[in-house]
Amino acid sequence: MSSDATVRWRAEVVADLLSHQRLSSYLAATPDLDSALTLYEWNSDASAAVFALIARTEVLTRNAMDGALTRWSKRRHWTLEWFDHVPLDRRGDIDLAEARKRCSRCHAAEAHGKVIAELSFGFWRYLATSRYHASIWVPGLHAAFPLGNPDIRRRRGQVERCLKNLHQVRNRVAHHEPIHAYDLLQTVDDARRLAGWIAPDAAAWLMAREQVTAICRRRT
């Protein structure tokens, strides 16, 4: 039996199995099929590293935003639970209600942390958009990023841009789409900036463990 080191495959067969449609962006970026498959493999490695980086950033971000909303709710409504008081638009209300419903199906009593985990990255991203500037951001949510821009409006815009960029890349990775044409070092910087606006230790921890930069160097 051949060892793994001596196993060979036919690029044409692999390409047919992956589908030429899926390989089209790789073929357009490389001179031949072997190079396209190599780029496809690199894209898979990069996607795994990007997913890990964004997943950690998402947890840091949503916990910081949850904490800020909890403090806002305590000041404004004398309760730590913000779910029933936060002024969301219709889409936000639906997302929150569905998260609470999923949580209640699995637990006898609603657990705050479980609901937070059920809310999508998109939910948190949209909390930083201009539609919530006066109703949520200024009254309390800006405090999730205490080390951000001193100007609260600019702080929101910068947080929104970072979240938007990370969310878009994450969605591509989640659907196994190509990211080889993306500026992945910008993705790393967006994650670092978001974490740094929360706490310096958060950014240091994130950057000590990210593998995206090393994988990008492999391609150059």
C-alpha atoms as a PDB file:
ATOM      1  CA  MET A   1       0.000   0.000   0.000  1.00  0.00           C
ATOM      2  CA  SER A   2       1.330   3.423  -0.887  1.00  0.00           C
ATOM      3  CA  SER A   3       2.186   5.848   1.902  1.00  0.00           C
ATOM      4  CA  ASP A   4       0.495   9.249   2.037  1.00  0.00           C
ATOM      5  CA  ALA A   5       3.705  10.838   0.787  1.00  0.00           C
ATOM      6  CA  THR A   6       3.554   8.890  -2.501  1.00  0.00           C
ATOM      7  CA  VAL A   7      -0.178   9.147  -3.200  1.00  0.00           C
ATOM      8  CA  ARG A   8      -0.924  10.942  -6.459  1.00  0.00           C
ATOM      9  CA  TRP A   9      -4.134  12.146  -8.032  1.00  0.00           C
ATOM     10  CA  ARG A  10      -5.262  13.420 -11.405  1.00  0.00           C
ATOM     11  CA  ALA A  11      -5.997  17.125 -11.302  1.00  0.00           C
ATOM     12  CA  GLU A  12      -8.703  16.776 -13.957  1.00  0.00           C
ATOM     13  CA  VAL A  13     -10.639  14.244 -11.865  1.00  0.00           C
ATOM     14  CA  VAL A  14     -10.398  16.387  -8.732  1.00  0.00           C
ATOM     15  CA  ALA A  15     -11.504  19.447 -10.709  1.00  0.00           C
ATOM     16  CA  ASP A  16     -14.561  17.582 -12.008  1.00  0.00           C
ATOM     17  CA  LEU A  17     -15.468  16.495  -8.480  1.00  0.00           C
ATOM     18  CA  LEU A  18     -15.099  20.009  -7.087  1.00  0.00           C
ATOM     19  CA  SER A  19     -16.842  21.393 -10.206  1.00  0.00           C
ATOM     20  CA  HIS A  20     -15.301  23.779 -12.685  1.00  0.00           C
ATOM     21  CA  GLN A  21     -17.884  26.388 -11.733  1.00  0.00           C
ATOM     22  CA  ARG A  22     -16.552  26.394  -8.153  1.00  0.00           C
ATOM     23  CA  LEU A  23     -12.992  26.530  -9.452  1.00  0.00           C
ATOM     24  CA  SER A  24     -13.687  29.324 -11.937  1.00  0.00           C
ATOM     25  CA  SER A  25     -12.292  32.158  -9.781  1.00  0.00           C
ATOM     26  CA  TYR A  26      -9.169  30.116  -9.050  1.00  0.00           C
ATOM     27  CA  LEU A  27      -8.656  29.262 -12.696  1.00  0.00           C
ATOM     28  CA  ALA A  28      -9.048  32.939 -13.586  1.00  0.00           C
ATOM     29  CA  ALA A  29      -6.333  33.870 -11.089  1.00  0.00           C
ATOM     30  CA  THR A  30      -3.799  31.176 -12.005  1.00  0.00           C
ATOM     31  CA  PRO A  31      -2.066  29.936 -15.160  1.00  0.00           C
ATOM     32  CA  ASP A  32      -3.110  26.260 -15.035  1.00  0.00           C
ATOM     33  CA  LEU A  33      -5.264  23.686 -13.287  1.00  0.00           C
ATOM     34  CA  ASP A  34      -2.560  22.510 -10.873  1.00  0.00           C
ATOM     35  CA  SER A  35      -1.990  26.080  -9.729  1.00  0.00           C
ATOM     36  CA  ALA A  36      -5.742  26.600  -9.387  1.00  0.00           C
ATOM     37  CA  LEU A  37      -6.006  23.558  -7.108  1.00  0.00           C
ATOM     38  CA  THR A  38      -3.075  24.819  -5.050  1.00  0.00           C
ATOM     39  CA  LEU A  39      -4.824  28.161  -4.656  1.00  0.00           C
ATOM     40  CA  TYR A  40      -8.047  26.347  -3.735  1.00  0.00           C
ATOM     41  CA  GLU A  41      -6.170  24.486  -0.995  1.00  0.00           C
ATOM     42  CA  TRP A  42      -4.637  27.754   0.239  1.00  0.00           C
ATOM     43  CA  ASN A  43      -8.100  29.305   0.271  1.00  0.00           C
ATOM     44  CA  SER A  44      -9.335  26.452   2.487  1.00  0.00           C
ATOM     45  CA  ASP A  45      -6.500  26.994   4.965  1.00  0.00           C
ATOM     46  CA  ALA A  46      -7.065  30.745   4.945  1.00  0.00           C
ATOM     47  CA  SER A  47     -10.793  30.279   5.449  1.00  0.00           C
ATOM     48  CA  ALA A  48     -10.242  28.126   8.529  1.00  0.00           C
ATOM     49  CA  ALA A  49      -7.898  30.716  10.041  1.00  0.00           C
ATOM     50  CA  VAL A  50     -10.226  33.599   9.190  1.00  0.00           C
ATOM     51  CA  PHE A  51     -13.205  31.773  10.670  1.00  0.00           C
ATOM     52  CA  ALA A  52     -11.354  31.207  13.956  1.00  0.00           C
ATOM     53  CA  LEU A  53     -10.265  34.851  14.112  1.00  0.00           C
ATOM     54  CA  ILE A  54     -13.735  36.222  13.399  1.00  0.00           C
ATOM     55  CA  ALA A  55     -15.413  33.755  15.774  1.00  0.00           C
ATOM     56  CA  ARG A  56     -13.232  34.982  18.643  1.00  0.00           C
ATOM     57  CA  THR A  57     -13.828  38.588  17.659  1.00  0.00           C
ATOM     58  CA  GLU A  58     -17.578  37.996  17.487  1.00  0.00           C
ATOM     59  CA  VAL A  59     -17.682  36.601  21.026  1.00  0.00           C
ATOM     60  CA  LEU A  60     -15.612  39.492  22.391  1.00  0.00           C
ATOM     61  CA  THR A  61     -17.802  42.014  20.574  1.00  0.00           C
ATOM     62  CA  ARG A  62     -21.199  40.582  21.429  1.00  0.00           C
ATOM     63  CA  ASN A  63     -20.240  40.208  25.105  1.00  0.00           C
ATOM     64  CA  ALA A  64     -19.061  43.820  25.218  1.00  0.00           C
ATOM     65  CA  MET A  65     -22.259  45.027  23.531  1.00  0.00           C
ATOM     66  CA  ASP A  66     -24.401  42.877  25.798  1.00  0.00           C
ATOM     67  CA  GLY A  67     -22.647  44.338  28.834  1.00  0.00           C
ATOM     68  CA  ALA A  68     -23.234  47.895  27.636  1.00  0.00           C
ATOM     69  CA  LEU A  69     -26.909  47.196  26.961  1.00  0.00           C
ATOM     70  CA  THR A  70     -27.275  45.580  30.389  1.00  0.00           C
ATOM     71  CA  ARG A  71     -25.842  48.668  32.078  1.00  0.00           C
ATOM     72  CA  TRP A  72     -28.097  50.897  29.952  1.00  0.00           C
ATOM     73  CA  SER A  73     -31.158  48.846  30.938  1.00  0.00           C
ATOM     74  CA  LYS A  74     -30.276  49.037  34.616  1.00  0.00           C
ATOM     75  CA  ARG A  75     -29.979  52.836  34.459  1.00  0.00           C
ATOM     76  CA  ARG A  76     -33.031  53.399  32.287  1.00  0.00           C
ATOM     77  CA  HIS A  77     -35.422  50.639  33.357  1.00  0.00           C
ATOM     78  CA  TRP A  78     -34.086  49.417  36.703  1.00  0.00           C
ATOM     79  CA  THR A  79     -33.547  45.920  35.372  1.00  0.00           C
ATOM     80  CA  LEU A  80     -30.480  44.087  34.062  1.00  0.00           C
ATOM     81  CA  GLU A  81     -32.533  42.455  31.293  1.00  0.00           C
ATOM     82  CA  TRP A  82     -32.550  44.590  28.163  1.00  0.00           C
ATOM     83  CA  PHE A  83     -34.431  42.192  25.871  1.00  0.00           C
ATOM     84  CA  ASP A  84     -37.849  43.668  26.696  1.00  0.00           C
ATOM     85  CA  HIS A  85     -36.804  47.319  26.527  1.00  0.00           C
ATOM     86  CA  VAL A  86     -34.296  47.815  23.727  1.00  0.00           C
ATOM     87  CA  PRO A  87     -35.884  49.879  20.887  1.00  0.00           C
ATOM     88  CA  LEU A  88     -35.258  47.651  17.874  1.00  0.00           C
ATOM     89  CA  ASP A  89     -36.741  47.906  14.401  1.00  0.00           C
ATOM     90  CA  ARG A  90     -39.030  45.166  13.084  1.00  0.00           C
ATOM     91  CA  ARG A  91     -36.182  42.990  11.789  1.00  0.00           C
ATOM     92  CA  GLY A  92     -34.320  43.295  15.058  1.00  0.00           C
ATOM     93  CA  ASP A  93     -37.441  42.468  17.067  1.00  0.00           C
ATOM     94  CA  ILE A  94     -37.984  39.345  14.965  1.00  0.00           C
ATOM     95  CA  ASP A  95     -34.363  38.219  15.337  1.00  0.00           C
ATOM     96  CA  LEU A  96     -34.457  38.680  19.109  1.00  0.00           C
ATOM     97  CA  ALA A  97     -37.829  36.944  19.464  1.00  0.00           C
ATOM     98  CA  GLU A  98     -36.625  33.966  17.410  1.00  0.00           C
ATOM     99  CA  ALA A  99     -33.453  33.686  19.483  1.00  0.00           C
ATOM    100  CA  ARG A 100     -35.483  33.707  22.699  1.00  0.00           C
ATOM    101  CA  LYS A 101     -37.854  31.094  21.280  1.00  0.00           C
ATOM    102  CA  ARG A 102     -34.985  28.775  20.296  1.00  0.00           C
ATOM    103  CA  CYS A 103     -33.509  29.167  23.749  1.00  0.00           C
ATOM    104  CA  SER A 104     -36.826  28.445  25.516  1.00  0.00           C
ATOM    105  CA  ARG A 105     -37.261  25.225  23.548  1.00  0.00           C
ATOM    106  CA  CYS A 106     -34.002  23.887  24.988  1.00  0.00           C
ATOM    107  CA  HIS A 107     -34.227  25.243  28.518  1.00  0.00           C
ATOM    108  CA  ALA A 108     -36.974  25.302  31.108  1.00  0.00           C
ATOM    109  CA  ALA A 109     -36.254  28.952  31.868  1.00  0.00           C
ATOM    110  CA  GLU A 110     -34.822  31.562  29.540  1.00  0.00           C
ATOM    111  CA  ALA A 111     -31.085  31.884  30.119  1.00  0.00           C
ATOM    112  CA  HIS A 112     -29.662  35.276  29.191  1.00  0.00           C
ATOM    113  CA  GLY A 113     -26.335  33.907  27.988  1.00  0.00           C
ATOM    114  CA  LYS A 114     -28.026  31.296  25.828  1.00  0.00           C
ATOM    115  CA  VAL A 115     -30.098  33.966  24.084  1.00  0.00           C
ATOM    116  CA  ILE A 116     -26.953  36.003  23.432  1.00  0.00           C
ATOM    117  CA  ALA A 117     -25.340  32.949  21.848  1.00  0.00           C
ATOM    118  CA  GLU A 118     -28.405  32.401  19.633  1.00  0.00           C
ATOM    119  CA  LEU A 119     -28.243  35.916  18.164  1.00  0.00           C
ATOM    120  CA  SER A 120     -26.405  36.061  14.847  1.00  0.00           C
ATOM    121  CA  PHE A 121     -23.344  38.141  14.071  1.00  0.00           C
ATOM    122  CA  GLY A 122     -25.590  40.144  11.746  1.00  0.00           C
ATOM    123  CA  PHE A 123     -27.806  41.171  14.667  1.00  0.00           C
ATOM    124  CA  TRP A 124     -24.848  42.721  16.504  1.00  0.00           C
ATOM    125  CA  ARG A 125     -23.501  44.299  13.336  1.00  0.00           C
ATOM    126  CA  TYR A 126     -26.753  46.157  12.691  1.00  0.00           C
ATOM    127  CA  LEU A 127     -26.886  47.526  16.239  1.00  0.00           C
ATOM    128  CA  ALA A 128     -23.941  49.730  15.231  1.00  0.00           C
ATOM    129  CA  THR A 129     -25.658  51.197  12.168  1.00  0.00           C
ATOM    130  CA  SER A 130     -26.912  54.767  11.908  1.00  0.00           C
ATOM    131  CA  ARG A 131     -30.552  53.712  12.393  1.00  0.00           C
ATOM    132  CA  TYR A 132     -29.769  53.072  16.073  1.00  0.00           C
ATOM    133  CA  HIS A 133     -27.444  56.016  16.666  1.00  0.00           C
ATOM    134  CA  ALA A 134     -29.839  58.141  18.724  1.00  0.00           C
ATOM    135  CA  SER A 135     -31.952  55.380  20.258  1.00  0.00           C
ATOM    136  CA  ILE A 136     -29.301  52.857  21.352  1.00  0.00           C
ATOM    137  CA  TRP A 137     -25.753  53.949  20.540  1.00  0.00           C
ATOM    138  CA  VAL A 138     -25.666  57.346  22.245  1.00  0.00           C
ATOM    139  CA  PRO A 139     -27.626  56.325  25.365  1.00  0.00           C
ATOM    140  CA  GLY A 140     -25.463  53.328  26.123  1.00  0.00           C
ATOM    141  CA  LEU A 141     -24.053  51.077  23.405  1.00  0.00           C
ATOM    142  CA  HIS A 142     -21.053  53.306  22.669  1.00  0.00           C
ATOM    143  CA  ALA A 143     -19.700  52.202  26.074  1.00  0.00           C
ATOM    144  CA  ALA A 144     -19.042  48.732  24.658  1.00  0.00           C
ATOM    145  CA  PHE A 145     -15.975  50.239  22.963  1.00  0.00           C
ATOM    146  CA  PRO A 146     -14.561  52.598  25.610  1.00  0.00           C
ATOM    147  CA  LEU A 147     -11.192  52.947  23.882  1.00  0.00           C
ATOM    148  CA  GLY A 148     -12.654  53.903  20.521  1.00  0.00           C
ATOM    149  CA  ASN A 149     -12.776  57.333  18.947  1.00  0.00           C
ATOM    150  CA  PRO A 150     -13.579  60.040  21.543  1.00  0.00           C
ATOM    151  CA  ASP A 151     -16.237  61.373  19.174  1.00  0.00           C
ATOM    152  CA  ILE A 152     -19.188  59.031  19.725  1.00  0.00           C
ATOM    153  CA  ARG A 153     -20.547  59.451  16.184  1.00  0.00           C
ATOM    154  CA  ARG A 154     -17.188  58.666  14.598  1.00  0.00           C
ATOM    155  CA  ARG A 155     -16.739  55.775  17.005  1.00  0.00           C
ATOM    156  CA  ARG A 156     -19.991  54.247  15.810  1.00  0.00           C
ATOM    157  CA  GLY A 157     -19.018  54.679  12.175  1.00  0.00           C
ATOM    158  CA  GLN A 158     -15.662  53.000  12.711  1.00  0.00           C
ATOM    159  CA  VAL A 159     -17.192  50.110  14.661  1.00  0.00           C
ATOM    160  CA  GLU A 160     -19.858  49.708  11.972  1.00  0.00           C
ATOM    161  CA  ARG A 161     -17.264  49.531   9.185  1.00  0.00           C
ATOM    162  CA  CYS A 162     -15.190  46.903  10.999  1.00  0.00           C
ATOM    163  CA  LEU A 163     -18.248  44.792  11.820  1.00  0.00           C
ATOM    164  CA  LYS A 164     -19.544  45.077   8.252  1.00  0.00           C
ATOM    165  CA  ASN A 165     -16.226  43.951   6.771  1.00  0.00           C
ATOM    166  CA  LEU A 166     -15.870  41.034   9.190  1.00  0.00           C
ATOM    167  CA  HIS A 167     -19.471  39.965   8.658  1.00  0.00           C
ATOM    168  CA  GLN A 168     -19.078  39.913   4.875  1.00  0.00           C
ATOM    169  CA  VAL A 169     -15.903  37.824   4.987  1.00  0.00           C
ATOM    170  CA  ARG A 170     -17.408  35.487   7.593  1.00  0.00           C
ATOM    171  CA  ASN A 171     -20.440  34.861   5.387  1.00  0.00           C
ATOM    172  CA  ARG A 172     -18.244  33.952   2.438  1.00  0.00           C
ATOM    173  CA  VAL A 173     -16.218  31.579   4.571  1.00  0.00           C
ATOM    174  CA  ALA A 174     -19.367  30.001   6.038  1.00  0.00           C
ATOM    175  CA  HIS A 175     -20.620  29.266   2.507  1.00  0.00           C
ATOM    176  CA  HIS A 176     -17.228  27.971   1.285  1.00  0.00           C
ATOM    177  CA  GLU A 177     -16.863  30.859  -1.152  1.00  0.00           C
ATOM    178  CA  PRO A 178     -13.474  32.110  -2.420  1.00  0.00           C
ATOM    179  CA  ILE A 179     -11.686  34.717  -0.310  1.00  0.00           C
ATOM    180  CA  HIS A 180      -8.338  34.621  -2.112  1.00  0.00           C
ATOM    181  CA  ALA A 181      -9.036  38.017  -3.717  1.00  0.00           C
ATOM    182  CA  TYR A 182      -9.871  39.664  -0.381  1.00  0.00           C
ATOM    183  CA  ASP A 183      -7.420  41.763   1.602  1.00  0.00           C
ATOM    184  CA  LEU A 184      -7.240  39.359   4.532  1.00  0.00           C
ATOM    185  CA  LEU A 185      -4.656  41.481   6.334  1.00  0.00           C
ATOM    186  CA  GLN A 186      -7.357  44.154   6.460  1.00  0.00           C
ATOM    187  CA  THR A 187      -9.613  41.533   8.048  1.00  0.00           C
ATOM    188  CA  VAL A 188      -6.947  40.959  10.693  1.00  0.00           C
ATOM    189  CA  ASP A 189      -6.674  44.701  11.272  1.00  0.00           C
ATOM    190  CA  ASP A 190     -10.456  45.089  11.589  1.00  0.00           C
ATOM    191  CA  ALA A 191     -10.503  42.345  14.237  1.00  0.00           C
ATOM    192  CA  ARG A 192      -7.554  43.868  16.073  1.00  0.00           C
ATOM    193  CA  ARG A 193      -9.089  47.338  16.093  1.00  0.00           C
ATOM    194  CA  LEU A 194     -12.464  46.124  17.359  1.00  0.00           C
ATOM    195  CA  ALA A 195     -10.877  44.106  20.150  1.00  0.00           C
ATOM    196  CA  GLY A 196      -8.548  46.992  21.033  1.00  0.00           C
ATOM    197  CA  TRP A 197     -11.476  49.371  21.382  1.00  0.00           C
ATOM    198  CA  ILE A 198     -12.911  46.947  23.948  1.00  0.00           C
ATOM    199  CA  ALA A 199      -9.698  46.311  25.907  1.00  0.00           C
ATOM    200  CA  PRO A 200      -5.955  46.152  25.113  1.00  0.00           C
ATOM    201  CA  ASP A 201      -5.739  42.639  26.557  1.00  0.00           C
ATOM    202  CA  ALA A 202      -8.463  41.479  24.192  1.00  0.00           C
ATOM    203  CA  ALA A 203      -6.501  42.684  21.166  1.00  0.00           C
ATOM    204  CA  ALA A 204      -3.241  41.208  22.473  1.00  0.00           C
ATOM    205  CA  TRP A 205      -4.868  37.816  23.058  1.00  0.00           C
ATOM    206  CA  LEU A 206      -6.529  37.849  19.641  1.00  0.00           C
ATOM    207  CA  MET A 207      -3.351  38.742  17.770  1.00  0.00           C
ATOM    208  CA  ALA A 208      -1.215  36.233  19.660  1.00  0.00           C
ATOM    209  CA  ARG A 209      -3.401  33.429  18.306  1.00  0.00           C
ATOM    210  CA  GLU A 210      -4.400  34.536  14.818  1.00  0.00           C
ATOM    211  CA  GLN A 211      -2.972  32.475  11.956  1.00  0.00           C
ATOM    212  CA  VAL A 212      -4.230  34.536   9.022  1.00  0.00           C
ATOM    213  CA  THR A 213      -1.071  36.640   8.715  1.00  0.00           C
ATOM    214  CA  ALA A 214       1.189  33.578   8.502  1.00  0.00           C
ATOM    215  CA  ILE A 215      -1.035  31.972   5.873  1.00  0.00           C
ATOM    216  CA  CYS A 216      -1.023  35.169   3.805  1.00  0.00           C
ATOM    217  CA  ARG A 217       2.800  35.161   3.891  1.00  0.00           C
ATOM    218  CA  ARG A 218       2.788  31.637   2.473  1.00  0.00           C
ATOM    219  CA  ARG A 219       1.201  32.949  -0.691  1.00  0.00           C
ATOM    220  CA  THR A 220       3.700  35.761  -1.324  1.00  0.00           C
END
